[in-house]
C-alpha cells in the first residue's frame, strides 16, 4: 500500500517506521526535559533550605555568644548551631550530587 506525499508515492511501512523513530526521539527529548526541570527545581529547593538553615545557625550562634541566657543554655545553643552547620554541609553535598546526576538509561 502506498500514500501520496508531496507528489511522490511513499510506502506506508516507511512512513510508520519514520513516525515510530521520531516518536522515540521525541519521547527521550521530553524525558530529558522533565528530568532537567525536576533536577533544577530540586537544586533550587536544596539551596533555599541550606540558606535558611545557615541563617538560623548564625542567629543561634550569635545569641549564644552574647550570653543572653545562662552558661548552660549558651553551650546548648552553640552545640545546636554547630549541628545545623553540619546539616548544611550535608545538604550542600546532596545538592552537588543532584547537580551532577544524569538521566538514567532505560533499556
Protein backbone atom coordinates (compact mmCIF):
# COMPACT_ATOMS: atom_id res chain seq x y z
CA UNK A 1 0.00 0.00 0.00
CA UNK A 2 1.28 3.50 -0.85
CA UNK A 3 0.35 7.02 0.20
CA UNK A 4 0.77 10.11 -1.90
CA UNK A 5 3.11 12.62 -0.19
CA UNK A 6 4.27 15.83 -1.88
CA UNK A 7 3.72 14.38 -5.30
CA UNK A 8 5.62 11.17 -4.51
CA UNK A 9 4.44 7.71 -3.69
CA UNK A 10 5.86 6.59 -0.33
CA UNK A 11 5.39 3.11 1.11
CA UNK A 12 3.18 3.16 4.23
CA UNK A 13 5.65 0.92 6.08
CA UNK A 14 8.36 3.51 5.68
CA UNK A 15 6.06 6.25 7.00
CA UNK A 16 5.20 4.15 10.05
CA UNK A 17 8.88 3.43 10.73
CA UNK A 18 9.80 7.11 10.46
CA UNK A 19 6.90 8.08 12.76
CA UNK A 20 7.96 5.50 15.36
CA UNK A 21 11.59 6.60 15.18
CA UNK A 22 10.60 10.27 15.60
CA UNK A 23 8.26 9.37 18.48
CA UNK A 24 11.09 7.62 20.30
CA UNK A 25 13.38 10.63 19.83
CA UNK A 26 10.59 12.95 20.93
CA UNK A 27 9.89 10.78 23.99
CA UNK A 28 13.55 10.83 25.01
CA UNK A 29 13.66 14.60 24.50
CA UNK A 30 10.58 15.04 26.70
CA UNK A 31 12.01 12.70 29.33
CA UNK A 32 15.26 14.70 29.39
CA UNK A 33 13.33 17.96 29.66
CA UNK A 34 11.27 16.64 32.58
CA UNK A 35 14.40 15.30 34.27
CA UNK A 36 16.20 18.63 33.90
CA UNK A 37 13.19 20.56 35.18
CA UNK A 38 12.94 18.29 38.24
CA UNK A 39 16.69 18.46 38.76
CA UNK A 40 16.73 22.27 38.59
CA UNK A 41 13.74 22.55 40.94
CA UNK A 42 15.37 20.21 43.47
CA UNK A 43 18.72 22.04 43.31
CA UNK A 44 16.94 25.36 43.88
CA UNK A 45 14.94 23.95 46.79
CA UNK A 46 18.00 22.39 48.43
CA UNK A 47 19.88 25.70 48.12
CA UNK A 48 16.96 27.56 49.73
CA UNK A 49 16.85 25.11 52.63
CA UNK A 50 20.65 25.34 53.03
CA UNK A 51 20.48 29.13 53.16
CA UNK A 52 17.60 29.19 55.65
CA UNK A 53 19.31 26.71 57.99
CA UNK A 54 22.63 28.55 57.70
CA UNK A 55 20.92 31.83 58.57
CA UNK A 56 19.28 30.18 61.58
CA UNK A 57 22.58 28.67 62.72
CA UNK A 58 24.26 32.07 62.53
CA UNK A 59 21.48 33.70 64.56
CA UNK A 60 21.58 30.96 67.21
CA UNK A 61 25.38 31.17 67.44
CA UNK A 62 25.25 34.94 67.81
CA UNK A 63 22.72 34.69 70.64
CA UNK A 64 24.90 32.05 72.32
CA UNK A 65 27.99 34.30 72.09
CA UNK A 66 26.06 37.26 73.53
CA UNK A 67 25.26 35.07 76.55
CA UNK A 68 21.68 36.31 76.70
CA UNK A 69 20.89 33.08 78.55
CA UNK A 70 22.81 31.32 81.30
CA UNK A 71 26.02 29.44 80.52
CA UNK A 72 24.36 26.04 80.20
CA UNK A 73 21.81 27.32 77.69
CA UNK A 74 24.51 29.22 75.76
CA UNK A 75 26.55 25.99 75.43
CA UNK A 76 23.45 24.14 74.25
CA UNK A 77 22.76 26.86 71.66
CA UNK A 78 26.36 26.73 70.44
CA UNK A 79 26.11 22.95 70.05
CA UNK A 80 22.85 23.23 68.11
CA UNK A 81 24.33 25.91 65.85
CA UNK A 82 27.21 23.54 65.05
CA UNK A 83 24.78 20.70 64.38
CA UNK A 84 22.82 22.92 62.00
CA UNK A 85 26.01 23.83 60.14
CA UNK A 86 26.83 20.11 59.75
CA UNK A 87 23.35 19.65 58.34
CA UNK A 88 24.01 22.46 55.85
CA UNK A 89 27.21 20.72 54.72
CA UNK A 90 25.25 17.51 54.18
CA UNK A 91 22.59 19.33 52.18
CA UNK A 92 25.27 21.04 50.11
CA UNK A 93 26.86 17.67 49.33
CA UNK A 94 23.46 16.32 48.34
CA UNK A 95 22.80 19.36 46.14
CA UNK A 96 26.14 18.85 44.37
CA UNK A 97 25.28 15.19 43.75
CA UNK A 98 21.89 16.18 42.32
CA UNK A 99 23.57 18.77 40.07
CA UNK A 100 25.94 16.09 38.74
CA UNK A 101 23.24 13.45 38.30
CA UNK A 102 22.37 12.26 34.81
CA UNK A 103 19.20 10.75 33.44
CA UNK A 104 19.35 7.01 33.91
CA UNK A 105 19.46 4.86 30.79
CA UNK A 106 16.35 2.82 30.11
CA UNK A 107 16.80 -0.47 28.36
